[in-house]
C-alpha atoms as a PDB file:
ATOM      1  CA  MET A   1       0.000   0.000   0.000  1.00  0.00           C
ATOM      2  CA  GLU A   2       2.912   2.333   0.733  1.00  0.00           C
ATOM      3  CA  THR A   3       4.144   2.143  -2.875  1.00  0.00           C
ATOM      4  CA  LYS A   4       0.651   2.943  -4.178  1.00  0.00           C
ATOM      5  CA  LEU A   5       0.533   6.002  -1.944  1.00  0.00           C
ATOM      6  CA  ALA A   6       4.016   7.034  -3.093  1.00  0.00           C
ATOM      7  CA  GLU A   7       2.772   7.161  -6.698  1.00  0.00           C
ATOM      8  CA  ILE A   8       0.127   9.803  -5.946  1.00  0.00           C
ATOM      9  CA  ASP A   9       1.176  13.423  -6.429  1.00  0.00           C
ATOM     10  CA  PRO A  10       0.116  15.563  -3.432  1.00  0.00           C
ATOM     11  CA  SER A  11      -1.191  18.275  -5.785  1.00  0.00           C
ATOM     12  CA  THR A  12      -3.848  15.996  -7.318  1.00  0.00           C
ATOM     13  CA  SER A  13      -7.518  15.756  -6.461  1.00  0.00           C
ATOM     14  CA  ALA A  14      -7.002  12.048  -5.681  1.00  0.00           C
ATOM     15  CA  PHE A  15      -4.554  12.932  -2.905  1.00  0.00           C
ATOM     16  CA  LYS A  16      -6.843  15.653  -1.536  1.00  0.00           C
ATOM     17  CA  ILE A  17      -9.716  13.165  -1.386  1.00  0.00           C
ATOM     18  CA  LEU A  18      -7.513  10.571   0.280  1.00  0.00           C
ATOM     19  CA  VAL A  19      -6.320  13.047   2.921  1.00  0.00           C
ATOM     20  CA  TYR A  20      -9.868  14.258   3.553  1.00  0.00           C
ATOM     21  CA  LEU A  21     -11.174  10.718   4.048  1.00  0.00           C
ATOM     22  CA  THR A  22      -8.224   9.700   6.214  1.00  0.00           C
ATOM     23  CA  PHE A  23      -8.577  12.624   8.601  1.00  0.00           C
ATOM     24  CA  LYS A  24     -12.405  12.416   8.729  1.00  0.00           C
ATOM     25  CA  ASP A  25     -12.050   8.794   9.912  1.00  0.00           C
ATOM     26  CA  GLN A  26     -15.655   7.898   9.087  1.00  0.00           C
ATOM     27  CA  PRO A  27     -17.521   6.602   6.023  1.00  0.00           C
ATOM     28  CA  MET A  28     -18.469   9.385   3.630  1.00  0.00           C
ATOM     29  CA  LYS A  29     -20.590   9.572   0.501  1.00  0.00           C
ATOM     30  CA  PRO A  30     -19.060  11.130  -2.644  1.00  0.00           C
ATOM     31  CA  ILE A  31     -21.392  14.144  -2.411  1.00  0.00           C
ATOM     32  CA  GLU A  32     -20.242  14.846   1.163  1.00  0.00           C
ATOM     33  CA  ILE A  33     -16.610  14.681   0.063  1.00  0.00           C
ATOM     34  CA  ALA A  34     -17.291  16.926  -2.940  1.00  0.00           C
ATOM     35  CA  LYS A  35     -18.988  19.542  -0.751  1.00  0.00           C
ATOM     36  CA  GLY A  36     -16.259  19.369   1.891  1.00  0.00           C
ATOM     37  CA  LEU A  37     -13.494  19.869  -0.656  1.00  0.00           C
ATOM     38  CA  GLY A  38     -15.319  22.171  -3.060  1.00  0.00           C
ATOM     39  CA  GLU A  39     -14.700  19.686  -5.878  1.00  0.00           C
ATOM     40  CA  ASN A  40     -16.990  18.584  -8.689  1.00  0.00           C
ATOM     41  CA  GLY A  41     -19.025  15.493  -7.751  1.00  0.00           C
ATOM     42  CA  SER A  42     -18.110  13.619 -10.932  1.00  0.00           C
ATOM     43  CA  THR A  43     -14.412  14.245 -10.292  1.00  0.00           C
ATOM     44  CA  VAL A  44     -14.735  12.905  -6.751  1.00  0.00           C
ATOM     45  CA  ARG A  45     -16.582   9.782  -7.917  1.00  0.00           C
ATOM     46  CA  ALA A  46     -13.973   9.096 -10.615  1.00  0.00           C
ATOM     47  CA  ARG A  47     -11.044   9.527  -8.201  1.00  0.00           C
ATOM     48  CA  LEU A  48     -12.766   7.359  -5.570  1.00  0.00           C
ATOM     49  CA  ALA A  49     -13.176   4.578  -8.143  1.00  0.00           C
ATOM     50  CA  GLU A  50      -9.441   4.795  -8.937  1.00  0.00           C
ATOM     51  CA  LEU A  51      -8.469   4.854  -5.255  1.00  0.00           C
ATOM     52  CA  ASN A  52     -10.762   1.911  -4.568  1.00  0.00           C
ATOM     53  CA  LYS A  53      -9.171  -0.047  -7.420  1.00  0.00           C
ATOM     54  CA  THR A  54      -5.681   0.562  -6.000  1.00  0.00           C
ATOM     55  CA  GLY A  55      -6.774  -0.504  -2.520  1.00  0.00           C
ATOM     56  CA  LEU A  56      -6.310   2.854  -0.796  1.00  0.00           C
ATOM     57  CA  VAL A  57     -10.013   3.307  -0.013  1.00  0.00           C
ATOM     58  CA  ASP A  58     -12.897   0.917   0.507  1.00  0.00           C
ATOM     59  CA  ASN A  59     -16.519   1.350  -0.531  1.00  0.00           C
ATOM     60  CA  THR A  60     -18.836   0.285   2.306  1.00  0.00           C
ATOM     61  CA  ASN A  61     -22.624   0.477   2.634  1.00  0.00           C
ATOM     62  CA  GLU A  62     -22.216   3.692   4.655  1.00  0.00           C
ATOM     63  CA  GLY A  63     -19.782   5.315   2.208  1.00  0.00           C
ATOM     64  CA  TYR A  64     -16.108   5.393   1.348  1.00  0.00           C
ATOM     65  CA  VAL A  65     -13.411   4.960   3.994  1.00  0.00           C
ATOM     66  CA  SER A  66      -9.663   5.417   3.772  1.00  0.00           C
ATOM     67  CA  LEU A  67      -7.540   2.348   4.416  1.00  0.00           C
ATOM     68  CA  LEU A  68      -4.614   4.579   5.405  1.00  0.00           C
ATOM     69  CA  THR A  69      -3.724   6.125   8.729  1.00  0.00           C
ATOM     70  CA  THR A  70      -2.969   9.761   9.417  1.00  0.00           C
ATOM     71  CA  TYR A  71       0.623   8.620  10.001  1.00  0.00           C
ATOM     72  CA  ASP A  72       0.792   7.283   6.410  1.00  0.00           C
ATOM     73  CA  ILE A  73      -0.332  10.661   5.066  1.00  0.00           C
ATOM     74  CA  LEU A  74       2.082  12.638   7.237  1.00  0.00           C
ATOM     75  CA  MET A  75       4.997  10.417   6.222  1.00  0.00           C
ATOM     76  CA  LYS A  76       4.093  10.944   2.549  1.00  0.00           C
ATOM     77  CA  LEU A  77       4.140  14.715   3.039  1.00  0.00           C
ATOM     78  CA  TYR A  78       7.366  14.881   5.040  1.00  0.00           C
ATOM     79  CA  LYS A  79       9.417  12.151   3.384  1.00  0.00           C
ATOM     80  CA  PRO A  80      12.508  13.668   1.712  1.00  0.00           C
END
């Protein structure tokens, strides 16, 4: 999972969604994520599908959840 995270550029919408979900630490619907980030709903749904395919998020009955920890995100941001 660490290598999959390493491949995501922090400036992308996928990374923003991943960070948002990780720090929210609760299942969220795409529309909630879109509103929280000020992103287009279709963009959020497309990125969530990609993140789900790579195993970084999971789609549950209640919504999407991040499979990463806040530590994983912080290490990605501060790794030289």
